[in-house]
Each structure stands twice: as C-alpha cells, then as structure tokens.
Amino acid sequence: MTFLARERWVMLVASAWLVMGLQLDAYAHATTPELETFWTPWHAVLYSGIAASGLSLVWLLRSRLPAIPTYASVVALPNALRVPILGMAFLLVGGGVDTLWHNVFGIEQGLEIFVSP
C-alpha cells in the first residue's frame, strides 16, 4: 500500500504542528511562573496540532479500512498507519491523565514540567 505525496505532506505538516505545540507549551510552563490557566496560546497550538494530526490520520484511514474495522483489518494496515494510530490512542489517554494531574496537583513551575506525567 503506497501513499500519495499529498497524503505524506499532510501528515508531516500535522505532526510537525503537534510537536511544535508541545515544545511551545513546555517552554511556556518552564519560563512563565504565573501561568496558571489552561487558556493560553501555547495550549491552542498544542491542542489544534493534536486535532490536526488526528483528523489527518482519520483522513488517511478512510479508504484503507472497511466500514466496520476489525482487529484483522487494523493489523493488515501498514506500520506507517498502525504506529500513528497507537500513538494517537496513547495521546488521548495521556491527555485525560494530564488533565486529572493538573486538577489534583496544579500546574508545574520551572523544570518540574519536564518530569511530571
């Protein structure tokens, strides 16, 4: 199964967007002590990158999976799609854990951002 150049570029741009958002958000938390809110431009870049990556992945899967995916049909996908599907699942679970963490312990300051779950 091959990918069109357009499909590769869309996924590359969406993935880069997500990684840039993650780095911007970590930098903001590490350098802005008074940052105690979810509603920041850095979170906007991060979460819009997550959405762009997820939607790009769904767009790539649209013609490669049957209407009702089965375990066998997912396993038959190329690694270039299975790995991002697994990554997106971990990202969604991690986002829920991160939300819970911040609600319980608050937003980290300084270098703690790099070691918190």
PDB file of N, CA and C in Angstrom:
ATOM      1  N   MET A   1       0.859  -1.173   0.000  1.00  0.00           N
ATOM      2  CA  MET A   1       0.000   0.000   0.000  1.00  0.00           C
ATOM      3  C   MET A   1       0.905   1.236   0.000  1.00  0.00           C
ATOM      4  N   THR A   2       0.693   2.074  -0.957  1.00  0.00           N
ATOM      5  CA  THR A   2       1.527   3.278  -1.060  1.00  0.00           C
ATOM      6  C   THR A   2       0.711   4.509  -0.682  1.00  0.00           C
ATOM      7  N   PHE A   3       1.432   5.556  -0.381  1.00  0.00           N
ATOM      8  CA  PHE A   3       0.815   6.823  -0.014  1.00  0.00           C
ATOM      9  C   PHE A   3       1.110   7.846  -1.094  1.00  0.00           C
ATOM     10  N   LEU A   4       0.139   8.667  -1.383  1.00  0.00           N
ATOM     11  CA  LEU A   4       0.343   9.762  -2.325  1.00  0.00           C
ATOM     12  C   LEU A   4       1.214  10.827  -1.668  1.00  0.00           C
ATOM     13  N   ALA A   5       1.892  11.597  -2.484  1.00  0.00           N
ATOM     14  CA  ALA A   5       2.740  12.671  -1.958  1.00  0.00           C
ATOM     15  C   ALA A   5       1.912  13.630  -1.104  1.00  0.00           C
ATOM     16  N   ARG A   6       0.700  13.938  -1.548  1.00  0.00           N
ATOM     17  CA  ARG A   6      -0.171  14.837  -0.781  1.00  0.00           C
ATOM     18  C   ARG A   6      -0.471  14.276   0.599  1.00  0.00           C
ATOM     19  N   GLU A   7      -0.718  12.966   0.683  1.00  0.00           N
ATOM     20  CA  GLU A   7      -1.007  12.337   1.970  1.00  0.00           C
ATOM     21  C   GLU A   7       0.196  12.413   2.908  1.00  0.00           C
ATOM     22  N   ARG A   8       1.383  12.163   2.361  1.00  0.00           N
ATOM     23  CA  ARG A   8       2.599  12.248   3.187  1.00  0.00           C
ATOM     24  C   ARG A   8       2.817  13.665   3.694  1.00  0.00           C
ATOM     25  N   TRP A   9       2.623  14.668   2.841  1.00  0.00           N
ATOM     26  CA  TRP A   9       2.834  16.066   3.249  1.00  0.00           C
ATOM     27  C   TRP A   9       1.824  16.506   4.294  1.00  0.00           C
ATOM     28  N   VAL A  10       0.575  16.109   4.125  1.00  0.00           N
ATOM     29  CA  VAL A  10      -0.455  16.486   5.107  1.00  0.00           C
ATOM     30  C   VAL A  10      -0.101  15.911   6.473  1.00  0.00           C
ATOM     31  N   MET A  11       0.301  14.655   6.529  1.00  0.00           N
ATOM     32  CA  MET A  11       0.641  14.040   7.804  1.00  0.00           C
ATOM     33  C   MET A  11       1.907  14.655   8.386  1.00  0.00           C
ATOM     34  N   LEU A  12       2.869  14.987   7.551  1.00  0.00           N
ATOM     35  CA  LEU A  12       4.101  15.620   8.023  1.00  0.00           C
ATOM     36  C   LEU A  12       3.817  16.978   8.655  1.00  0.00           C
ATOM     37  N   VAL A  13       3.012  17.793   7.982  1.00  0.00           N
ATOM     38  CA  VAL A  13       2.691  19.127   8.494  1.00  0.00           C
ATOM     39  C   VAL A  13       1.896  19.021   9.801  1.00  0.00           C
ATOM     40  N   ALA A  14       0.914  18.132   9.840  1.00  0.00           N
ATOM     41  CA  ALA A  14       0.114  17.965  11.062  1.00  0.00           C
ATOM     42  C   ALA A  14       0.980  17.476  12.224  1.00  0.00           C
ATOM     43  N   SER A  15       1.874  16.553  11.955  1.00  0.00           N
ATOM     44  CA  SER A  15       2.750  16.035  13.010  1.00  0.00           C
ATOM     45  C   SER A  15       3.712  17.109  13.507  1.00  0.00           C
ATOM     46  N   ALA A  16       4.271  17.887  12.592  1.00  0.00           N
ATOM     47  CA  ALA A  16       5.180  18.969  12.984  1.00  0.00           C
ATOM     48  C   ALA A  16       4.437  20.010  13.815  1.00  0.00           C
ATOM     49  N   TRP A  17       3.198  20.291  13.444  1.00  0.00           N
ATOM     50  CA  TRP A  17       2.352  21.231  14.179  1.00  0.00           C
ATOM     51  C   TRP A  17       2.181  20.759  15.627  1.00  0.00           C
ATOM     52  N   LEU A  18       1.888  19.463  15.799  1.00  0.00           N
ATOM     53  CA  LEU A  18       1.702  18.900  17.132  1.00  0.00           C
ATOM     54  C   LEU A  18       2.991  19.011  17.948  1.00  0.00           C
ATOM     55  N   VAL A  19       4.118  18.646  17.364  1.00  0.00           N
ATOM     56  CA  VAL A  19       5.394  18.678  18.093  1.00  0.00           C
ATOM     57  C   VAL A  19       5.782  20.115  18.445  1.00  0.00           C
ATOM     58  N   MET A  20       5.555  21.051  17.532  1.00  0.00           N
ATOM     59  CA  MET A  20       5.846  22.460  17.836  1.00  0.00           C
ATOM     60  C   MET A  20       4.970  22.947  18.988  1.00  0.00           C
ATOM     61  N   GLY A  21       3.702  22.562  18.982  1.00  0.00           N
ATOM     62  CA  GLY A  21       2.810  22.947  20.071  1.00  0.00           C
ATOM     63  C   GLY A  21       3.259  22.369  21.398  1.00  0.00           C
ATOM     64  N   LEU A  22       3.716  21.128  21.389  1.00  0.00           N
ATOM     65  CA  LEU A  22       4.208  20.504  22.614  1.00  0.00           C
ATOM     66  C   LEU A  22       5.432  21.245  23.143  1.00  0.00           C
ATOM     67  N   GLN A  23       6.355  21.584  22.267  1.00  0.00           N
ATOM     68  CA  GLN A  23       7.566  22.290  22.688  1.00  0.00           C
ATOM     69  C   GLN A  23       7.243  23.702  23.178  1.00  0.00           C
ATOM     70  N   LEU A  24       6.363  24.400  22.472  1.00  0.00           N
ATOM     71  CA  LEU A  24       5.969  25.745  22.906  1.00  0.00           C
ATOM     72  C   LEU A  24       5.306  25.712  24.277  1.00  0.00           C
ATOM     73  N   ASP A  25       4.431  24.746  24.491  1.00  0.00           N
ATOM     74  CA  ASP A  25       3.726  24.644  25.763  1.00  0.00           C
ATOM     75  C   ASP A  25       4.694  24.316  26.898  1.00  0.00           C
ATOM     76  N   ALA A  26       5.596  23.382  26.665  1.00  0.00           N
ATOM     77  CA  ALA A  26       6.581  23.045  27.706  1.00  0.00           C
ATOM     78  C   ALA A  26       7.463  24.246  28.010  1.00  0.00           C
ATOM     79  N   TYR A  27       7.893  24.969  26.993  1.00  0.00           N
ATOM     80  CA  TYR A  27       8.725  26.158  27.199  1.00  0.00           C
ATOM     81  C   TYR A  27       7.966  27.221  27.999  1.00  0.00           C
ATOM     82  N   ALA A  28       6.698  27.429  27.647  1.00  0.00           N
ATOM     83  CA  ALA A  28       5.894  28.433  28.349  1.00  0.00           C
ATOM     84  C   ALA A  28       5.735  28.077  29.822  1.00  0.00           C
ATOM     85  N   HIS A  29       5.461  26.801  30.106  1.00  0.00           N
ATOM     86  CA  HIS A  29       5.308  26.379  31.500  1.00  0.00           C
ATOM     87  C   HIS A  29       6.621  26.502  32.270  1.00  0.00           C
ATOM     88  N   ALA A  30       7.729  26.262  31.585  1.00  0.00           N
ATOM     89  CA  ALA A  30       9.028  26.308  32.256  1.00  0.00           C
ATOM     90  C   ALA A  30       9.525  27.729  32.493  1.00  0.00           C
ATOM     91  N   THR A  31       9.053  28.695  31.703  1.00  0.00           N
ATOM     92  CA  THR A  31       9.607  30.053  31.787  1.00  0.00           C
ATOM     93  C   THR A  31       8.627  31.116  32.269  1.00  0.00           C
ATOM     94  N   THR A  32       7.353  30.768  32.425  1.00  0.00           N
ATOM     95  CA  THR A  32       6.350  31.746  32.856  1.00  0.00           C
ATOM     96  C   THR A  32       5.746  31.286  34.174  1.00  0.00           C
ATOM     97  N   PRO A  33       6.285  31.755  35.299  1.00  0.00           N
ATOM     98  CA  PRO A  33       5.829  31.270  36.605  1.00  0.00           C
ATOM     99  C   PRO A  33       4.350  31.534  36.886  1.00  0.00           C
ATOM    100  N   GLU A  34       3.799  32.606  36.368  1.00  0.00           N
ATOM    101  CA  GLU A  34       2.406  32.939  36.676  1.00  0.00           C
ATOM    102  C   GLU A  34       1.406  32.231  35.761  1.00  0.00           C
ATOM    103  N   LEU A  35       1.864  31.314  34.948  1.00  0.00           N
ATOM    104  CA  LEU A  35       0.997  30.604  34.010  1.00  0.00           C
ATOM    105  C   LEU A  35       0.182  29.559  34.765  1.00  0.00           C
ATOM    106  N   GLU A  36      -1.033  29.919  35.135  1.00  0.00           N
ATOM    107  CA  GLU A  36      -1.888  29.016  35.912  1.00  0.00           C
ATOM    108  C   GLU A  36      -3.246  28.811  35.252  1.00  0.00           C
ATOM    109  N   THR A  37      -3.288  28.867  33.948  1.00  0.00           N
ATOM    110  CA  THR A  37      -4.557  28.680  33.252  1.00  0.00           C
ATOM    111  C   THR A  37      -4.381  27.747  32.066  1.00  0.00           C
ATOM    112  N   PHE A  38      -5.451  27.113  31.690  1.00  0.00           N
ATOM    113  CA  PHE A  38      -5.446  26.240  30.518  1.00  0.00           C
ATOM    114  C   PHE A  38      -5.532  27.063  29.240  1.00  0.00           C
ATOM    115  N   TRP A  39      -6.159  28.212  29.291  1.00  0.00           N
ATOM    116  CA  TRP A  39      -6.466  29.009  28.105  1.00  0.00           C
ATOM    117  C   TRP A  39      -5.291  29.899  27.720  1.00  0.00           C
ATOM    118  N   THR A  40      -4.308  29.296  27.054  1.00  0.00           N
ATOM    119  CA  THR A  40      -3.131  30.024  26.601  1.00  0.00           C
ATOM    120  C   THR A  40      -2.947  29.813  25.107  1.00  0.00           C
ATOM    121  N   PRO A  41      -2.217  30.692  24.443  1.00  0.00           N
ATOM    122  CA  PRO A  41      -1.930  30.477  23.016  1.00  0.00           C
ATOM    123  C   PRO A  41      -1.138  29.193  22.783  1.00  0.00           C
ATOM    124  N   TRP A  42      -0.298  28.814  23.746  1.00  0.00           N
ATOM    125  CA  TRP A  42       0.522  27.616  23.587  1.00  0.00           C
ATOM    126  C   TRP A  42      -0.327  26.360  23.638  1.00  0.00           C
ATOM    127  N   HIS A  43      -1.313  26.349  24.521  1.00  0.00           N
ATOM    128  CA  HIS A  43      -2.234  25.217  24.540  1.00  0.00           C
ATOM    129  C   HIS A  43      -3.052  25.178  23.259  1.00  0.00           C
ATOM    130  N   ALA A  44      -3.397  26.342  22.732  1.00  0.00           N
ATOM    131  CA  ALA A  44      -4.151  26.379  21.475  1.00  0.00           C
ATOM    132  C   ALA A  44      -3.347  25.736  20.348  1.00  0.00           C
ATOM    133  N   VAL A  45      -2.053  26.043  20.273  1.00  0.00           N
ATOM    134  CA  VAL A  45      -1.210  25.433  19.239  1.00  0.00           C
ATOM    135  C   VAL A  45      -1.103  23.928  19.477  1.00  0.00           C
ATOM    136  N   LEU A  46      -0.875  23.526  20.721  1.00  0.00           N
ATOM    137  CA  LEU A  46      -0.742  22.105  21.051  1.00  0.00           C
ATOM    138  C   LEU A  46      -2.007  21.324  20.710  1.00  0.00           C
ATOM    139  N   TYR A  47      -3.146  21.771  21.218  1.00  0.00           N
ATOM    140  CA  TYR A  47      -4.370  21.001  21.023  1.00  0.00           C
ATOM    141  C   TYR A  47      -4.912  21.085  19.607  1.00  0.00           C
ATOM    142  N   SER A  48      -4.673  22.180  18.906  1.00  0.00           N
ATOM    143  CA  SER A  48      -5.066  22.216  17.499  1.00  0.00           C
ATOM    144  C   SER A  48      -4.158  21.299  16.685  1.00  0.00           C
ATOM    145  N   GLY A  49      -2.888  21.152  17.087  1.00  0.00           N
ATOM    146  CA  GLY A  49      -1.986  20.202  16.430  1.00  0.00           C
ATOM    147  C   GLY A  49      -2.416  18.768  16.661  1.00  0.00           C
ATOM    148  N   ILE A  50      -2.882  18.476  17.874  1.00  0.00           N
ATOM    149  CA  ILE A  50      -3.412  17.135  18.164  1.00  0.00           C
ATOM    150  C   ILE A  50      -4.629  16.871  17.286  1.00  0.00           C
ATOM    151  N   ALA A  51      -5.521  17.852  17.200  1.00  0.00           N
ATOM    152  CA  ALA A  51      -6.723  17.692  16.366  1.00  0.00           C
ATOM    153  C   ALA A  51      -6.345  17.524  14.898  1.00  0.00           C
ATOM    154  N   ALA A  52      -5.407  18.330  14.413  1.00  0.00           N
ATOM    155  CA  ALA A  52      -4.980  18.234  13.008  1.00  0.00           C
ATOM    156  C   ALA A  52      -4.361  16.868  12.725  1.00  0.00           C
ATOM    157  N   SER A  53      -3.552  16.367  13.650  1.00  0.00           N
ATOM    158  CA  SER A  53      -2.939  15.046  13.459  1.00  0.00           C
ATOM    159  C   SER A  53      -3.988  13.942  13.483  1.00  0.00           C
ATOM    160  N   GLY A  54      -4.910  14.024  14.421  1.00  0.00           N
ATOM    161  CA  GLY A  54      -5.970  13.018  14.492  1.00  0.00           C
ATOM    162  C   GLY A  54      -6.858  13.018  13.260  1.00  0.00           C
ATOM    163  N   LEU A  55      -7.247  14.204  12.817  1.00  0.00           N
ATOM    164  CA  LEU A  55      -8.087  14.290  11.617  1.00  0.00           C
ATOM    165  C   LEU A  55      -7.329  13.839  10.372  1.00  0.00           C
ATOM    166  N   SER A  56      -6.042  14.146  10.308  1.00  0.00           N
ATOM    167  CA  SER A  56      -5.229  13.681   9.179  1.00  0.00           C
ATOM    168  C   SER A  56      -5.145  12.160   9.168  1.00  0.00           C
ATOM    169  N   LEU A  57      -5.012  11.578  10.336  1.00  0.00           N
ATOM    170  CA  LEU A  57      -4.956  10.122  10.441  1.00  0.00           C
ATOM    171  C   LEU A  57      -6.282   9.495  10.004  1.00  0.00           C
ATOM    172  N   VAL A  58      -7.382  10.069  10.445  1.00  0.00           N
ATOM    173  CA  VAL A  58      -8.701   9.573  10.016  1.00  0.00           C
ATOM    174  C   VAL A  58      -8.842   9.705   8.506  1.00  0.00           C
ATOM    175  N   TRP A  59      -8.368  10.825   7.963  1.00  0.00           N
ATOM    176  CA  TRP A  59      -8.418  11.055   6.513  1.00  0.00           C
ATOM    177  C   TRP A  59      -7.611   9.991   5.769  1.00  0.00           C
ATOM    178  N   LEU A  60      -6.450   9.622   6.294  1.00  0.00           N
ATOM    179  CA  LEU A  60      -5.639   8.589   5.662  1.00  0.00           C
ATOM    180  C   LEU A  60      -6.282   7.208   5.774  1.00  0.00           C
ATOM    181  N   LEU A  61      -6.992   6.974   6.864  1.00  0.00           N
ATOM    182  CA  LEU A  61      -7.613   5.665   7.082  1.00  0.00           C
ATOM    183  C   LEU A  61      -8.907   5.476   6.297  1.00  0.00           C
ATOM    184  N   ARG A  62      -9.512   6.551   5.839  1.00  0.00           N
ATOM    185  CA  ARG A  62     -10.839   6.499   5.241  1.00  0.00           C
ATOM    186  C   ARG A  62     -10.963   5.465   4.125  1.00  0.00           C
ATOM    187  N   SER A  63      -9.951   5.323   3.301  1.00  0.00           N
ATOM    188  CA  SER A  63     -10.043   4.386   2.180  1.00  0.00           C
ATOM    189  C   SER A  63      -9.282   3.095   2.436  1.00  0.00           C
ATOM    190  N   ARG A  64      -8.703   2.970   3.607  1.00  0.00           N
ATOM    191  CA  ARG A  64      -7.866   1.803   3.884  1.00  0.00           C
ATOM    192  C   ARG A  64      -8.495   0.830   4.886  1.00  0.00           C
ATOM    193  N   LEU A  65      -9.610   1.215   5.468  1.00  0.00           N
ATOM    194  CA  LEU A  65     -10.303   0.340   6.415  1.00  0.00           C
ATOM    195  C   LEU A  65     -11.734   0.117   5.951  1.00  0.00           C
ATOM    196  N   PRO A  66     -12.300  -1.047   6.260  1.00  0.00           N
ATOM    197  CA  PRO A  66     -13.715  -1.262   5.940  1.00  0.00           C
ATOM    198  C   PRO A  66     -14.599  -0.394   6.833  1.00  0.00           C
ATOM    199  N   ALA A  67     -15.888  -0.348   6.501  1.00  0.00           N
ATOM    200  CA  ALA A  67     -16.835   0.480   7.262  1.00  0.00           C
ATOM    201  C   ALA A  67     -16.830   0.102   8.743  1.00  0.00           C
ATOM    202  N   ILE A  68     -16.720  -1.179   9.029  1.00  0.00           N
ATOM    203  CA  ILE A  68     -16.641  -1.647  10.415  1.00  0.00           C
ATOM    204  C   ILE A  68     -15.270  -2.319  10.574  1.00  0.00           C
ATOM    205  N   PRO A  69     -14.306  -1.575  11.146  1.00  0.00           N
ATOM    206  CA  PRO A  69     -12.962  -2.148  11.280  1.00  0.00           C
ATOM    207  C   PRO A  69     -12.943  -3.338  12.229  1.00  0.00           C
ATOM    208  N   THR A  70     -12.136  -4.310  11.896  1.00  0.00           N
ATOM    209  CA  THR A  70     -11.923  -5.472  12.763  1.00  0.00           C
ATOM    210  C   THR A  70     -10.452  -5.497  13.166  1.00  0.00           C
ATOM    211  N   TYR A  71     -10.150  -6.349  14.102  1.00  0.00           N
ATOM    212  CA  TYR A  71      -8.753  -6.492  14.517  1.00  0.00           C
ATOM    213  C   TYR A  71      -7.889  -6.871  13.320  1.00  0.00           C
ATOM    214  N   ALA A  72      -8.374  -7.811  12.510  1.00  0.00           N
ATOM    215  CA  ALA A  72      -7.602  -8.274  11.346  1.00  0.00           C
ATOM    216  C   ALA A  72      -7.379  -7.144  10.344  1.00  0.00           C
ATOM    217  N   SER A  73      -8.387  -6.291  10.136  1.00  0.00           N
ATOM    218  CA  SER A  73      -8.218  -5.202   9.165  1.00  0.00           C
ATOM    219  C   SER A  73      -7.242  -4.147   9.680  1.00  0.00           C
ATOM    220  N   VAL A  74      -7.211  -3.928  10.992  1.00  0.00           N
ATOM    221  CA  VAL A  74      -6.259  -2.965  11.560  1.00  0.00           C
ATOM    222  C   VAL A  74      -4.846  -3.535  11.502  1.00  0.00           C
ATOM    223  N   VAL A  75      -4.703  -4.827  11.811  1.00  0.00           N
ATOM    224  CA  VAL A  75      -3.386  -5.457  11.758  1.00  0.00           C
ATOM    225  C   VAL A  75      -2.851  -5.482  10.323  1.00  0.00           C
ATOM    226  N   ALA A  76      -3.741  -5.542   9.340  1.00  0.00           N
ATOM    227  CA  ALA A  76      -3.328  -5.578   7.941  1.00  0.00           C
ATOM    228  C   ALA A  76      -2.838  -4.216   7.438  1.00  0.00           C
ATOM    229  N   LEU A  77      -3.078  -3.161   8.204  1.00  0.00           N
ATOM    230  CA  LEU A  77      -2.596  -1.837   7.803  1.00  0.00           C
ATOM    231  C   LEU A  77      -1.071  -1.799   7.823  1.00  0.00           C
ATOM    232  N   PRO A  78      -0.475  -0.948   7.002  1.00  0.00           N
ATOM    233  CA  PRO A  78       0.988  -0.812   7.070  1.00  0.00           C
ATOM    234  C   PRO A  78       1.415  -0.159   8.382  1.00  0.00           C
ATOM    235  N   ASN A  79       2.653  -0.420   8.789  1.00  0.00           N
ATOM    236  CA  ASN A  79       3.181   0.170  10.022  1.00  0.00           C
ATOM    237  C   ASN A  79       3.079   1.686  10.003  1.00  0.00           C
ATOM    238  N   ALA A  80       3.157   2.274   8.821  1.00  0.00           N
ATOM    239  CA  ALA A  80       3.082   3.732   8.704  1.00  0.00           C
ATOM    240  C   ALA A  80       1.741   4.272   9.182  1.00  0.00           C
ATOM    241  N   LEU A  81       0.740   3.417   9.326  1.00  0.00           N
ATOM    242  CA  LEU A  81      -0.547   3.837   9.871  1.00  0.00           C
ATOM    243  C   LEU A  81      -0.818   3.224  11.243  1.00  0.00           C
ATOM    244  N   ARG A  82      -0.364   2.011  11.477  1.00  0.00           N
ATOM    245  CA  ARG A  82      -0.611   1.374  12.772  1.00  0.00           C
ATOM    246  C   ARG A  82       0.095   2.106  13.907  1.00  0.00           C
ATOM    247  N   VAL A  83       1.320   2.511  13.689  1.00  0.00           N
ATOM    248  CA  VAL A  83       2.072   3.202  14.736  1.00  0.00           C
ATOM    249  C   VAL A  83       1.417   4.539  15.095  1.00  0.00           C
ATOM    250  N   PRO A  84       1.028   5.378  14.120  1.00  0.00           N
ATOM    251  CA  PRO A  84       0.334   6.618  14.495  1.00  0.00           C
ATOM    252  C   PRO A  84      -1.012   6.381  15.180  1.00  0.00           C
ATOM    253  N   ILE A  85      -1.728   5.332  14.809  1.00  0.00           N
ATOM    254  CA  ILE A  85      -2.993   5.020  15.489  1.00  0.00           C
ATOM    255  C   ILE A  85      -2.713   4.728  16.962  1.00  0.00           C
ATOM    256  N   LEU A  86      -1.703   3.922  17.235  1.00  0.00           N
ATOM    257  CA  LEU A  86      -1.326   3.616  18.610  1.00  0.00           C
ATOM    258  C   LEU A  86      -0.875   4.881  19.335  1.00  0.00           C
ATOM    259  N   GLY A  87      -0.080   5.703  18.652  1.00  0.00           N
ATOM    260  CA  GLY A  87       0.377   6.960  19.249  1.00  0.00           C
ATOM    261  C   GLY A  87      -0.775   7.885  19.580  1.00  0.00           C
ATOM    262  N   MET A  88      -1.751   7.990  18.699  1.00  0.00           N
ATOM    263  CA  MET A  88      -2.903   8.854  18.951  1.00  0.00           C
ATOM    264  C   MET A  88      -3.729   8.322  20.116  1.00  0.00           C
ATOM    265  N   ALA A  89      -3.841   7.003  20.237  1.00  0.00           N
ATOM    266  CA  ALA A  89      -4.554   6.425  21.377  1.00  0.00           C
ATOM    267  C   ALA A  89      -3.836   6.770  22.680  1.00  0.00           C
ATOM    268  N   PHE A  90      -2.501   6.628  22.705  1.00  0.00           N
ATOM    269  CA  PHE A  90      -1.733   6.993  23.892  1.00  0.00           C
ATOM    270  C   PHE A  90      -1.868   8.483  24.195  1.00  0.00           C
ATOM    271  N   LEU A  91      -1.887   9.299  23.158  1.00  0.00           N
ATOM    272  CA  LEU A  91      -2.011  10.747  23.332  1.00  0.00           C
ATOM    273  C   LEU A  91      -3.356  11.108  23.957  1.00  0.00           C
ATOM    274  N   LEU A  92      -4.420  10.473  23.507  1.00  0.00           N
ATOM    275  CA  LEU A  92      -5.746  10.756  24.067  1.00  0.00           C
ATOM    276  C   LEU A  92      -5.838  10.311  25.521  1.00  0.00           C
ATOM    277  N   VAL A  93      -5.299   9.134  25.836  1.00  0.00           N
ATOM    278  CA  VAL A  93      -5.291   8.669  27.227  1.00  0.00           C
ATOM    279  C   VAL A  93      -4.407   9.593  28.063  1.00  0.00           C
ATOM    280  N   GLY A  94      -3.240   9.951  27.529  1.00  0.00           N
ATOM    281  CA  GLY A  94      -2.329  10.846  28.241  1.00  0.00           C
ATOM    282  C   GLY A  94      -2.939  12.207  28.501  1.00  0.00           C
ATOM    283  N   GLY A  95      -3.728  12.704  27.562  1.00  0.00           N
ATOM    284  CA  GLY A  95      -4.400  13.990  27.756  1.00  0.00           C
ATOM    285  C   GLY A  95      -5.373  13.940  28.918  1.00  0.00           C
ATOM    286  N   GLY A  96      -6.093  12.833  29.042  1.00  0.00           N
ATOM    287  CA  GLY A  96      -7.002  12.675  30.170  1.00  0.00           C
ATOM    288  C   GLY A  96      -6.257  12.597  31.491  1.00  0.00           C
ATOM    289  N   VAL A  97      -5.144  11.847  31.513  1.00  0.00           N
ATOM    290  CA  VAL A  97      -4.329  11.748  32.724  1.00  0.00           C
ATOM    291  C   VAL A  97      -3.723  13.101  33.061  1.00  0.00           C
ATOM    292  N   ASP A  98      -3.269  13.846  32.046  1.00  0.00           N
ATOM    293  CA  ASP A  98      -2.690  15.171  32.270  1.00  0.00           C
ATOM    294  C   ASP A  98      -3.717  16.128  32.873  1.00  0.00           C
ATOM    295  N   THR A  99      -4.936  16.086  32.376  1.00  0.00           N
ATOM    296  CA  THR A  99      -5.998  16.930  32.915  1.00  0.00           C
ATOM    297  C   THR A  99      -6.248  16.592  34.384  1.00  0.00           C
ATOM    298  N   LEU A 100      -6.334  15.312  34.675  1.00  0.00           N
ATOM    299  CA  LEU A 100      -6.530  14.880  36.056  1.00  0.00           C
ATOM    300  C   LEU A 100      -5.361  15.326  36.932  1.00  0.00           C
ATOM    301  N   TRP A 101      -4.142  15.154  36.450  1.00  0.00           N
ATOM    302  CA  TRP A 101      -2.937  15.551  37.192  1.00  0.00           C
ATOM    303  C   TRP A 101      -2.984  17.032  37.546  1.00  0.00           C
ATOM    304  N   HIS A 102      -3.275  17.878  36.546  1.00  0.00           N
ATOM    305  CA  HIS A 102      -3.304  19.322  36.793  1.00  0.00           C
ATOM    306  C   HIS A 102      -4.435  19.719  37.743  1.00  0.00           C
ATOM    307  N   ASN A 103      -5.554  19.031  37.668  1.00  0.00           N
ATOM    308  CA  ASN A 103      -6.653  19.330  38.582  1.00  0.00           C
ATOM    309  C   ASN A 103      -6.313  18.952  40.024  1.00  0.00           C
ATOM    310  N   VAL A 104      -5.545  17.908  40.201  1.00  0.00           N
ATOM    311  CA  VAL A 104      -5.186  17.460  41.545  1.00  0.00           C
ATOM    312  C   VAL A 104      -3.981  18.213  42.088  1.00  0.00           C
ATOM    313  N   PHE A 105      -2.936  18.376  41.271  1.00  0.00           N
ATOM    314  CA  PHE A 105      -1.674  18.925  41.762  1.00  0.00           C
ATOM    315  C   PHE A 105      -1.355  20.332  41.263  1.00  0.00           C
ATOM    316  N   GLY A 106      -2.146  20.878  40.358  1.00  0.00           N
ATOM    317  CA  GLY A 106      -1.872  22.206  39.816  1.00  0.00           C
ATOM    318  C   GLY A 106      -0.906  22.141  38.641  1.00  0.00           C
ATOM    319  N   ILE A 107      -0.530  23.308  38.149  1.00  0.00           N
ATOM    320  CA  ILE A 107       0.374  23.401  37.000  1.00  0.00           C
ATOM    321  C   ILE A 107       1.800  23.536  37.516  1.00  0.00           C
ATOM    322  N   GLU A 108       2.702  22.737  36.974  1.00  0.00           N
ATOM    323  CA  GLU A 108       4.088  22.719  37.419  1.00  0.00           C
ATOM    324  C   GLU A 108       4.785  24.029  37.068  1.00  0.00           C
ATOM    325  N   GLN A 109       5.832  24.310  37.806  1.00  0.00           N
ATOM    326  CA  GLN A 109       6.637  25.502  37.573  1.00  0.00           C
ATOM    327  C   GLN A 109       8.087  25.078  37.338  1.00  0.00           C
ATOM    328  N   GLY A 110       8.825  25.866  36.603  1.00  0.00           N
ATOM    329  CA  GLY A 110      10.244  25.620  36.384  1.00  0.00           C
ATOM    330  C   GLY A 110      10.496  24.317  35.649  1.00  0.00           C
ATOM    331  N   LEU A 111      11.514  23.603  36.063  1.00  0.00           N
ATOM    332  CA  LEU A 111      11.915  22.378  35.379  1.00  0.00           C
ATOM    333  C   LEU A 111      11.023  21.182  35.715  1.00  0.00           C
ATOM    334  N   GLU A 112      10.128  21.336  36.700  1.00  0.00           N
ATOM    335  CA  GLU A 112       9.219  20.234  37.053  1.00  0.00           C
ATOM    336  C   GLU A 112       8.363  19.801  35.866  1.00  0.00           C
ATOM    337  N   ILE A 113       8.095  20.706  34.930  1.00  0.00           N
ATOM    338  CA  ILE A 113       7.266  20.380  33.777  1.00  0.00           C
ATOM    339  C   ILE A 113       7.860  19.224  32.974  1.00  0.00           C
ATOM    340  N   PHE A 114       9.176  19.094  33.002  1.00  0.00           N
ATOM    341  CA  PHE A 114       9.829  18.071  32.193  1.00  0.00           C
ATOM    342  C   PHE A 114       9.835  16.702  32.850  1.00  0.00           C
ATOM    343  N   VAL A 115       9.432  16.607  34.106  1.00  0.00           N
ATOM    344  CA  VAL A 115       9.424  15.320  34.800  1.00  0.00           C
ATOM    345  C   VAL A 115       8.037  14.908  35.289  1.00  0.00           C
ATOM    346  N   SER A 116       7.043  15.743  35.110  1.00  0.00           N
ATOM    347  CA  SER A 116       5.698  15.351  35.549  1.00  0.00           C
ATOM    348  C   SER A 116       5.069  14.438  34.508  1.00  0.00           C
ATOM    349  N   PRO A 117       4.122  13.603  34.917  1.00  0.00           N
ATOM    350  CA  PRO A 117       3.474  12.708  33.936  1.00  0.00           C
ATOM    351  C   PRO A 117       2.689  13.509  32.936  1.00  0.00           C
TER     352      PRO A 117
END
